[in-house]
Amino acid sequence: MTSLQKPRARDLGLPFPGIPGAFNAITDVPGVEVGFCTLTDPARKMRTGVTAILPRPGTTPQPVWAGHFALNGNGEMTGTHWINDAGYFLGPILITNTHGVGAAHHGATRWMIDHYGDYFRNEHAWAMPVVAETYDGVLNDINALHVTPEHAIAALNARASGPVAEGSTGGGNGMIAYEFKGGTGTSSRRVPIGAATYTVAALVQANHGLRPWLTILGRPVGRLMPEGALYTAEMGSIIVILATDAPLSGLSLRQLAKRAAIGIGRGGTPGGNNSGDIFLAFSTANEGPMPQVALPVLTKQELNSERLDPLYLAAVEAIEEAVVNALVAGEAVETVKPPGKVCRMLDTERLREIFGS
């Protein structure tokens, strides 16, 4: 994955709490890979893309234990009915724009059939990938349906571990957060529980919030930078993906996903009516075969729910920082609907001044 070009929030001297992993990214969870397909062509009013997250490596399918929560449901995340019932999903997670969900789902299904070839040939297997979206129609001609199944496959084939490019990457390419250029952001935390240390990490597609709401580490940044506001009412969304290597039950993962509401709330959003605030938490622990081909009795490890408060706090902190990382990676972009305006980047020098760094 390409190295990061712009300073991240911590590089600007912002005193975020908690201890991040080596990359301060969702890829700090062992095995998790992220890929992007970024589509930019101003002549075609195209600024969109696909982000792909693969929780488990390898071509042998294994369940990914998960929990889902929607703070406000004005949006889409496919596969969640089964996650709510079964507590797991198989394969990748994709994030794109609102009108790209079908194409991304088609591409992810094709990729799964090919990637898990023996399983789909030999079993009565079904593909139900997780595909989420936020609306990029201010900076992208969303009705042109630029995203195709091939772009989803390209994002999956580009997946890698290591540093994660932020801002206008993949599905985050056309997104706006707090009326600044938003997009993809990520962060992680290391959490000791008992004798072990676990990682919890977030990746967000930030496309939510109004300027006056923006609060960073308690400072009213949005009110201190009011210039260039675009909206009179919120018209965006945010997708939050939480990953951990801690062994958690489906119920505990749903409880972890709920904490994303607090994480985004720290940035100032109340979860507006027009915002799809949709969250998914997954664990890479408890490797094993798909339940359809497993033994009748399953044995899994599970952390005591009474010991999970440090994980909850780490998730909140990682999400808060991931949103700010998306903002500080932004650049000024002209709008396509309505034309002729500019979505400004967050002024990182003024942000340094606000924090005295």
Foldseek 3Di string as FASTA:
>chain_A
DDDEDFDFPVSLVADFDFDFAPQQFLLSADAKWKFWQFDDDVVQLAGWAKIKIWRHDALAKWWWFKAKDWPAALWDKWPRVCCVVPRTAITMEMEIARLQQVQLQVLRQVCNCVSNVVCVVPHVDDHTYIYTHKHLQFRGVVVVNPHHSVRNNNRVVRIDHHHDYAASTGRLRRAAAQLARFAWFKGKHWADFPPDIKMKMKIKGHRWHHQQQFAAPRRRLSVVDVPQTDDPDIQIEMEMEMEMQAFAHSVVNNVLFVLVCLLVVNRGDPQDNNYTYIYMYTHPYDTDHDPVPDDPDDDGDHDDPVRCPRVSVRSSSGSNSRRSRRQQSYAKGATVVVGDGIRHGDDSVVVSVVVVD
